[in-house]
Amino acid sequence: QALRETLIPTAKAYPLEALMEDCVHYFKTTGRRVSFEYILIKGVNDEIQHANELAQLLQSHGNELMRSHVNLIPWNAIDDADFQRPSRNRVMAFMRQLKRQGVNSVSVRRARGSEEAAACGQLRNNLRKGKVANPPAPAL
């Protein structure tokens, strides 16, 4: 929770434990699998210990019961950001560790648009800096 609060400004308003309880409730009510999006940031939360902590969190809240799925999202580099994207090897090691710990449904999101600075977060950052031209008005 402490690392989460450092990275996500609104995390204090939504404590991890309460969030997990809501996920369990959602699954029990709907029967639909719960997916977790985990953004991997080089040197911040991409270590094997973080994979173990994530696996433990999911296991302690009924990972098998909820048929949880983890979607790993490597950080997309943004100009002037302090964060970096982890290497592919680091991402794959993280995924393998989750599976060793019993989290069997894990995927890695493919980066699209990062070469054009149009991947998730990059386009918005460029728009804020005025680097993106105004789109043409729709034809009527």
N, C-alpha and C. Protein backbone atom coordinates (compact mmCIF):
# COMPACT_ATOMS: atom_id res chain seq x y z
N GLN A 1 0.83 -1.19 0.00
CA GLN A 1 0.00 0.00 0.00
C GLN A 1 0.87 1.25 0.00
N ALA A 2 1.99 1.23 0.70
CA ALA A 2 2.84 2.42 0.77
C ALA A 2 3.39 2.79 -0.61
N LEU A 3 3.90 1.82 -1.35
CA LEU A 3 4.41 2.08 -2.69
C LEU A 3 3.28 2.56 -3.59
N ARG A 4 2.14 1.95 -3.47
CA ARG A 4 0.97 2.32 -4.27
C ARG A 4 0.60 3.78 -4.02
N GLU A 5 0.63 4.21 -2.76
CA GLU A 5 0.30 5.60 -2.44
C GLU A 5 1.34 6.57 -2.99
N THR A 6 2.59 6.13 -3.10
CA THR A 6 3.63 6.96 -3.69
C THR A 6 3.39 7.16 -5.18
N LEU A 7 2.94 6.11 -5.86
CA LEU A 7 2.77 6.15 -7.30
C LEU A 7 1.41 6.69 -7.76
N ILE A 8 0.38 6.46 -6.96
CA ILE A 8 -0.99 6.81 -7.36
C ILE A 8 -1.56 7.80 -6.34
N PRO A 9 -1.75 9.04 -6.74
CA PRO A 9 -2.23 10.06 -5.79
C PRO A 9 -3.55 9.72 -5.10
N THR A 10 -4.44 9.00 -5.76
CA THR A 10 -5.75 8.69 -5.17
C THR A 10 -5.76 7.40 -4.36
N ALA A 11 -4.62 6.74 -4.22
CA ALA A 11 -4.58 5.43 -3.56
C ALA A 11 -5.02 5.48 -2.10
N LYS A 12 -4.78 6.59 -1.42
CA LYS A 12 -5.21 6.68 -0.02
C LYS A 12 -6.72 6.61 0.12
N ALA A 13 -7.42 7.13 -0.87
CA ALA A 13 -8.88 7.11 -0.84
C ALA A 13 -9.44 5.72 -1.11
N TYR A 14 -8.64 4.87 -1.75
CA TYR A 14 -9.06 3.51 -2.09
C TYR A 14 -8.02 2.52 -1.58
N PRO A 15 -8.03 2.23 -0.28
CA PRO A 15 -7.03 1.30 0.28
C PRO A 15 -7.08 -0.06 -0.42
N LEU A 16 -5.91 -0.64 -0.60
CA LEU A 16 -5.77 -1.90 -1.32
C LEU A 16 -6.64 -3.00 -0.71
N GLU A 17 -6.67 -3.08 0.59
CA GLU A 17 -7.46 -4.13 1.24
C GLU A 17 -8.94 -4.00 0.91
N ALA A 18 -9.46 -2.79 0.94
CA ALA A 18 -10.87 -2.57 0.61
C ALA A 18 -11.13 -2.87 -0.87
N LEU A 19 -10.18 -2.52 -1.71
CA LEU A 19 -10.29 -2.79 -3.14
C LEU A 19 -10.37 -4.30 -3.39
N MET A 20 -9.52 -5.05 -2.72
CA MET A 20 -9.51 -6.50 -2.88
C MET A 20 -10.82 -7.12 -2.38
N GLU A 21 -11.34 -6.61 -1.28
CA GLU A 21 -12.62 -7.11 -0.77
C GLU A 21 -13.73 -6.85 -1.79
N ASP A 22 -13.68 -5.69 -2.44
CA ASP A 22 -14.66 -5.38 -3.48
C ASP A 22 -14.53 -6.32 -4.67
N CYS A 23 -13.29 -6.69 -5.01
CA CYS A 23 -13.06 -7.63 -6.12
C CYS A 23 -13.67 -9.00 -5.80
N VAL A 24 -13.47 -9.46 -4.59
CA VAL A 24 -14.03 -10.75 -4.17
C VAL A 24 -15.56 -10.68 -4.22
N HIS A 25 -16.12 -9.58 -3.70
CA HIS A 25 -17.57 -9.40 -3.72
C HIS A 25 -18.10 -9.39 -5.16
N TYR A 26 -17.40 -8.68 -6.05
CA TYR A 26 -17.79 -8.62 -7.46
C TYR A 26 -17.83 -10.02 -8.06
N PHE A 27 -16.77 -10.80 -7.81
CA PHE A 27 -16.74 -12.15 -8.36
C PHE A 27 -17.87 -13.00 -7.81
N LYS A 28 -18.08 -12.93 -6.51
CA LYS A 28 -19.13 -13.76 -5.90
C LYS A 28 -20.52 -13.36 -6.41
N THR A 29 -20.69 -12.09 -6.72
CA THR A 29 -21.99 -11.60 -7.19
C THR A 29 -22.22 -11.91 -8.66
N THR A 30 -21.17 -11.76 -9.48
CA THR A 30 -21.35 -11.89 -10.93
C THR A 30 -20.83 -13.20 -11.51
N GLY A 31 -19.87 -13.84 -10.82
CA GLY A 31 -19.24 -15.03 -11.35
C GLY A 31 -18.23 -14.73 -12.44
N ARG A 32 -17.98 -13.45 -12.67
CA ARG A 32 -17.03 -13.06 -13.72
C ARG A 32 -15.63 -12.91 -13.14
N ARG A 33 -14.65 -13.38 -13.88
CA ARG A 33 -13.25 -13.31 -13.48
C ARG A 33 -12.84 -11.84 -13.28
N VAL A 34 -11.92 -11.63 -12.35
CA VAL A 34 -11.40 -10.30 -12.07
C VAL A 34 -10.02 -10.17 -12.70
N SER A 35 -9.81 -9.10 -13.46
CA SER A 35 -8.51 -8.83 -14.06
C SER A 35 -7.83 -7.69 -13.33
N PHE A 36 -6.54 -7.85 -13.14
CA PHE A 36 -5.74 -6.84 -12.47
C PHE A 36 -4.70 -6.31 -13.45
N GLU A 37 -4.63 -5.00 -13.58
CA GLU A 37 -3.65 -4.35 -14.44
C GLU A 37 -2.48 -3.93 -13.54
N TYR A 38 -1.28 -4.35 -13.88
CA TYR A 38 -0.09 -4.05 -13.07
C TYR A 38 0.95 -3.40 -13.96
N ILE A 39 1.19 -2.12 -13.75
CA ILE A 39 2.18 -1.40 -14.55
C ILE A 39 3.56 -1.63 -13.95
N LEU A 40 4.46 -2.17 -14.77
CA LEU A 40 5.83 -2.45 -14.33
C LEU A 40 6.72 -1.25 -14.63
N ILE A 41 7.37 -0.74 -13.60
CA ILE A 41 8.26 0.41 -13.73
C ILE A 41 9.66 -0.03 -13.30
N LYS A 42 10.62 0.19 -14.18
CA LYS A 42 12.00 -0.26 -13.94
C LYS A 42 12.52 0.28 -12.61
N GLY A 43 12.99 -0.66 -11.76
CA GLY A 43 13.61 -0.29 -10.50
C GLY A 43 12.66 0.20 -9.43
N VAL A 44 11.36 0.20 -9.73
CA VAL A 44 10.37 0.68 -8.75
C VAL A 44 9.52 -0.46 -8.24
N ASN A 45 8.92 -1.23 -9.18
CA ASN A 45 8.04 -2.33 -8.77
C ASN A 45 8.16 -3.54 -9.68
N ASP A 46 9.35 -3.72 -10.25
CA ASP A 46 9.54 -4.83 -11.19
C ASP A 46 10.46 -5.92 -10.68
N GLU A 47 10.74 -5.90 -9.40
CA GLU A 47 11.63 -6.91 -8.79
C GLU A 47 10.86 -8.19 -8.49
N ILE A 48 11.60 -9.29 -8.33
CA ILE A 48 10.98 -10.58 -8.00
C ILE A 48 10.20 -10.48 -6.69
N GLN A 49 10.70 -9.71 -5.73
CA GLN A 49 9.97 -9.55 -4.46
C GLN A 49 8.59 -8.92 -4.69
N HIS A 50 8.49 -8.03 -5.68
CA HIS A 50 7.19 -7.42 -5.98
C HIS A 50 6.24 -8.45 -6.60
N ALA A 51 6.78 -9.34 -7.42
CA ALA A 51 5.96 -10.42 -7.98
C ALA A 51 5.45 -11.32 -6.86
N ASN A 52 6.33 -11.62 -5.90
CA ASN A 52 5.92 -12.45 -4.76
C ASN A 52 4.84 -11.75 -3.94
N GLU A 53 5.00 -10.45 -3.72
CA GLU A 53 4.00 -9.70 -2.95
C GLU A 53 2.66 -9.67 -3.67
N LEU A 54 2.69 -9.48 -4.99
CA LEU A 54 1.45 -9.47 -5.76
C LEU A 54 0.78 -10.85 -5.71
N ALA A 55 1.56 -11.90 -5.89
CA ALA A 55 1.01 -13.26 -5.82
C ALA A 55 0.41 -13.53 -4.45
N GLN A 56 1.10 -13.11 -3.40
CA GLN A 56 0.59 -13.32 -2.04
C GLN A 56 -0.72 -12.57 -1.83
N LEU A 57 -0.78 -11.33 -2.32
CA LEU A 57 -2.01 -10.54 -2.20
C LEU A 57 -3.17 -11.26 -2.89
N LEU A 58 -2.94 -11.73 -4.10
CA LEU A 58 -4.00 -12.42 -4.83
C LEU A 58 -4.38 -13.73 -4.16
N GLN A 59 -3.40 -14.50 -3.72
CA GLN A 59 -3.68 -15.78 -3.06
C GLN A 59 -4.47 -15.56 -1.77
N SER A 60 -4.13 -14.53 -1.04
CA SER A 60 -4.81 -14.28 0.24
C SER A 60 -6.26 -13.84 0.06
N HIS A 61 -6.62 -13.48 -1.17
CA HIS A 61 -8.00 -13.07 -1.45
C HIS A 61 -8.67 -14.02 -2.44
N GLY A 62 -8.20 -15.25 -2.48
CA GLY A 62 -8.88 -16.26 -3.27
C GLY A 62 -8.59 -16.19 -4.76
N ASN A 63 -7.33 -16.09 -5.13
CA ASN A 63 -6.95 -16.04 -6.55
C ASN A 63 -7.62 -17.15 -7.35
N GLU A 64 -7.56 -18.38 -6.86
CA GLU A 64 -8.15 -19.50 -7.59
C GLU A 64 -9.67 -19.36 -7.63
N LEU A 65 -10.25 -18.92 -6.53
CA LEU A 65 -11.70 -18.74 -6.47
C LEU A 65 -12.14 -17.72 -7.51
N MET A 66 -11.45 -16.57 -7.57
CA MET A 66 -11.84 -15.50 -8.49
C MET A 66 -11.37 -15.75 -9.92
N ARG A 67 -10.55 -16.78 -10.12
CA ARG A 67 -9.96 -17.01 -11.45
C ARG A 67 -9.28 -15.73 -11.94
N SER A 68 -8.52 -15.11 -11.06
CA SER A 68 -7.87 -13.84 -11.36
C SER A 68 -6.99 -13.91 -12.60
N HIS A 69 -6.94 -12.79 -13.29
CA HIS A 69 -6.02 -12.62 -14.42
C HIS A 69 -5.18 -11.38 -14.15
N VAL A 70 -3.88 -11.48 -14.39
CA VAL A 70 -2.99 -10.33 -14.23
C VAL A 70 -2.47 -9.93 -15.60
N ASN A 71 -2.69 -8.68 -15.95
CA ASN A 71 -2.18 -8.13 -17.20
C ASN A 71 -1.00 -7.22 -16.84
N LEU A 72 0.19 -7.64 -17.18
CA LEU A 72 1.39 -6.85 -16.90
C LEU A 72 1.56 -5.82 -18.02
N ILE A 73 1.77 -4.58 -17.62
CA ILE A 73 1.90 -3.48 -18.57
C ILE A 73 3.23 -2.80 -18.35
N PRO A 74 4.22 -3.05 -19.20
CA PRO A 74 5.49 -2.34 -19.06
C PRO A 74 5.27 -0.83 -19.27
N TRP A 75 5.89 -0.04 -18.42
CA TRP A 75 5.77 1.42 -18.47
C TRP A 75 6.16 1.94 -19.86
N ASN A 76 5.38 2.87 -20.38
CA ASN A 76 5.73 3.54 -21.63
C ASN A 76 6.50 4.81 -21.29
N ALA A 77 7.69 4.92 -21.84
CA ALA A 77 8.54 6.08 -21.55
C ALA A 77 7.86 7.37 -21.99
N ILE A 78 7.94 8.37 -21.12
CA ILE A 78 7.37 9.69 -21.38
C ILE A 78 8.48 10.70 -21.17
N ASP A 79 8.59 11.68 -22.08
CA ASP A 79 9.59 12.74 -21.90
C ASP A 79 9.44 13.37 -20.53
N ASP A 80 10.55 13.68 -19.91
CA ASP A 80 10.61 14.36 -18.62
C ASP A 80 10.10 13.53 -17.45
N ALA A 81 9.83 12.24 -17.66
CA ALA A 81 9.37 11.39 -16.56
C ALA A 81 10.59 10.75 -15.88
N ASP A 82 10.46 10.54 -14.59
CA ASP A 82 11.53 9.91 -13.84
C ASP A 82 11.56 8.39 -14.02
N PHE A 83 10.51 7.82 -14.57
CA PHE A 83 10.39 6.38 -14.67
C PHE A 83 10.88 5.87 -16.02
N GLN A 84 11.29 4.58 -16.02
CA GLN A 84 11.74 3.94 -17.24
C GLN A 84 11.04 2.60 -17.41
N ARG A 85 11.03 2.16 -18.64
CA ARG A 85 10.45 0.86 -18.98
C ARG A 85 11.42 -0.25 -18.59
N PRO A 86 10.93 -1.32 -17.96
CA PRO A 86 11.82 -2.45 -17.65
C PRO A 86 12.17 -3.22 -18.91
N SER A 87 13.26 -3.94 -18.87
CA SER A 87 13.67 -4.76 -20.02
C SER A 87 12.66 -5.90 -20.22
N ARG A 88 12.65 -6.42 -21.42
CA ARG A 88 11.77 -7.57 -21.72
C ARG A 88 12.12 -8.74 -20.81
N ASN A 89 13.42 -8.96 -20.57
CA ASN A 89 13.84 -10.05 -19.69
C ASN A 89 13.27 -9.88 -18.29
N ARG A 90 13.28 -8.64 -17.79
CA ARG A 90 12.76 -8.37 -16.45
C ARG A 90 11.25 -8.63 -16.40
N VAL A 91 10.55 -8.22 -17.44
CA VAL A 91 9.10 -8.43 -17.52
C VAL A 91 8.79 -9.93 -17.53
N MET A 92 9.53 -10.68 -18.33
CA MET A 92 9.29 -12.12 -18.44
C MET A 92 9.63 -12.84 -17.13
N ALA A 93 10.68 -12.39 -16.45
CA ALA A 93 11.05 -12.97 -15.15
C ALA A 93 9.93 -12.71 -14.13
N PHE A 94 9.35 -11.53 -14.17
CA PHE A 94 8.25 -11.17 -13.27
C PHE A 94 7.07 -12.10 -13.54
N MET A 95 6.76 -12.29 -14.81
CA MET A 95 5.64 -13.17 -15.17
C MET A 95 5.90 -14.61 -14.73
N ARG A 96 7.11 -15.10 -14.98
CA ARG A 96 7.44 -16.48 -14.56
C ARG A 96 7.32 -16.64 -13.05
N GLN A 97 7.73 -15.63 -12.29
CA GLN A 97 7.65 -15.72 -10.83
C GLN A 97 6.19 -15.76 -10.38
N LEU A 98 5.34 -14.95 -10.99
CA LEU A 98 3.91 -15.01 -10.65
C LEU A 98 3.37 -16.42 -10.88
N LYS A 99 3.73 -17.00 -12.01
CA LYS A 99 3.24 -18.36 -12.32
C LYS A 99 3.79 -19.38 -11.33
N ARG A 100 5.06 -19.24 -10.95
CA ARG A 100 5.64 -20.14 -9.94
C ARG A 100 4.88 -20.05 -8.62
N GLN A 101 4.35 -18.86 -8.34
CA GLN A 101 3.63 -18.63 -7.09
C GLN A 101 2.14 -18.97 -7.19
N GLY A 102 1.73 -19.52 -8.33
CA GLY A 102 0.35 -19.99 -8.46
C GLY A 102 -0.60 -19.05 -9.17
N VAL A 103 -0.10 -17.94 -9.70
CA VAL A 103 -0.94 -17.04 -10.48
C VAL A 103 -0.77 -17.47 -11.94
N ASN A 104 -1.69 -18.31 -12.41
CA ASN A 104 -1.49 -18.96 -13.69
C ASN A 104 -1.98 -18.17 -14.89
N SER A 105 -2.90 -17.26 -14.68
CA SER A 105 -3.41 -16.46 -15.80
C SER A 105 -2.72 -15.10 -15.80
N VAL A 106 -1.66 -15.00 -16.61
CA VAL A 106 -0.85 -13.79 -16.68
C VAL A 106 -0.57 -13.49 -18.14
N SER A 107 -0.69 -12.23 -18.52
CA SER A 107 -0.33 -11.82 -19.87
C SER A 107 0.50 -10.54 -19.79
N VAL A 108 1.17 -10.23 -20.88
CA VAL A 108 1.96 -9.00 -20.98
C VAL A 108 1.37 -8.19 -22.12
N ARG A 109 0.98 -6.97 -21.81
CA ARG A 109 0.42 -6.11 -22.85
C ARG A 109 1.51 -5.68 -23.80
N ARG A 110 1.24 -5.82 -25.07
CA ARG A 110 2.18 -5.37 -26.09
C ARG A 110 2.10 -3.86 -26.21
N ALA A 111 3.25 -3.24 -26.36
CA ALA A 111 3.29 -1.79 -26.55
C ALA A 111 2.95 -1.47 -28.00
N ARG A 112 2.05 -0.55 -28.18
CA ARG A 112 1.71 -0.10 -29.53
C ARG A 112 1.80 1.41 -29.55
N GLY A 113 2.45 1.93 -30.56
CA GLY A 113 2.51 3.38 -30.72
C GLY A 113 3.65 4.06 -30.01
N SER A 114 4.49 3.32 -29.30
CA SER A 114 5.55 3.97 -28.53
C SER A 114 6.58 4.64 -29.43
N GLU A 115 6.77 4.08 -30.63
CA GLU A 115 7.74 4.70 -31.54
C GLU A 115 7.27 6.07 -31.99
N GLU A 116 5.96 6.25 -32.08
CA GLU A 116 5.40 7.53 -32.52
C GLU A 116 5.02 8.40 -31.33
N ALA A 117 5.42 7.99 -30.11
CA ALA A 117 5.05 8.68 -28.87
C ALA A 117 3.54 8.77 -28.75
N ALA A 118 2.84 7.70 -29.17
CA ALA A 118 1.38 7.69 -29.10
C ALA A 118 0.87 6.55 -28.23
N ALA A 119 1.75 5.92 -27.46
CA ALA A 119 1.32 4.86 -26.56
C ALA A 119 0.64 5.47 -25.34
N CYS A 120 0.03 4.61 -24.55
CA CYS A 120 -0.70 5.06 -23.37
C CYS A 120 0.15 6.02 -22.53
N GLY A 121 -0.35 7.20 -22.29
CA GLY A 121 0.35 8.19 -21.48
C GLY A 121 1.23 9.12 -22.29
N GLN A 122 1.80 8.64 -23.39
CA GLN A 122 2.71 9.46 -24.17
C GLN A 122 1.98 10.56 -24.93
N LEU A 123 0.88 10.21 -25.56
CA LEU A 123 0.14 11.18 -26.35
C LEU A 123 -0.41 12.29 -25.47
N ARG A 124 -0.95 11.91 -24.32
CA ARG A 124 -1.47 12.91 -23.39
C ARG A 124 -0.36 13.84 -22.92
N ASN A 125 0.80 13.30 -22.63
CA ASN A 125 1.93 14.10 -22.19
C ASN A 125 2.32 15.09 -23.28
N ASN A 126 2.37 14.63 -24.53
CA ASN A 126 2.72 15.51 -25.64
C ASN A 126 1.65 16.57 -25.88
N LEU A 127 0.39 16.21 -25.70
CA LEU A 127 -0.70 17.15 -25.86
C LEU A 127 -0.59 18.27 -24.83
N ARG A 128 -0.27 17.91 -23.60
CA ARG A 128 -0.10 18.91 -22.54
C ARG A 128 1.04 19.86 -22.85
N LYS A 129 2.05 19.36 -23.54
CA LYS A 129 3.21 20.19 -23.87
C LYS A 129 3.03 20.95 -25.17
N GLY A 130 1.90 20.73 -25.84
CA GLY A 130 1.64 21.42 -27.09
C GLY A 130 2.39 20.83 -28.27
N LYS A 131 2.86 19.59 -28.16
CA LYS A 131 3.62 18.95 -29.24
C LYS A 131 2.73 18.26 -30.26
N VAL A 132 1.45 18.12 -29.94
CA VAL A 132 0.53 17.44 -30.85
C VAL A 132 -0.28 18.51 -31.57
N ALA A 133 -0.26 18.45 -32.89
CA ALA A 133 -1.01 19.42 -33.68
C ALA A 133 -2.50 19.24 -33.44
N ASN A 134 -3.24 20.31 -33.57
CA ASN A 134 -4.69 20.21 -33.43
C ASN A 134 -5.24 19.32 -34.52
N PRO A 135 -6.11 18.39 -34.18
CA PRO A 135 -6.66 17.52 -35.22
C PRO A 135 -7.58 18.31 -36.13
N PRO A 136 -7.70 17.88 -37.39
CA PRO A 136 -8.59 18.60 -38.30
C PRO A 136 -10.03 18.45 -37.85
N ALA A 137 -10.85 19.43 -38.17
CA ALA A 137 -12.28 19.37 -37.84
C ALA A 137 -12.92 18.28 -38.67
N PRO A 138 -13.91 17.58 -38.09
CA PRO A 138 -14.57 16.51 -38.86
C PRO A 138 -15.28 17.08 -40.08
N ALA A 139 -15.24 16.34 -41.17
CA ALA A 139 -15.92 16.75 -42.39
C ALA A 139 -17.42 16.57 -42.21
N LEU A 140 -18.18 17.52 -42.65
CA LEU A 140 -19.65 17.44 -42.54
C LEU A 140 -20.29 17.07 -43.83
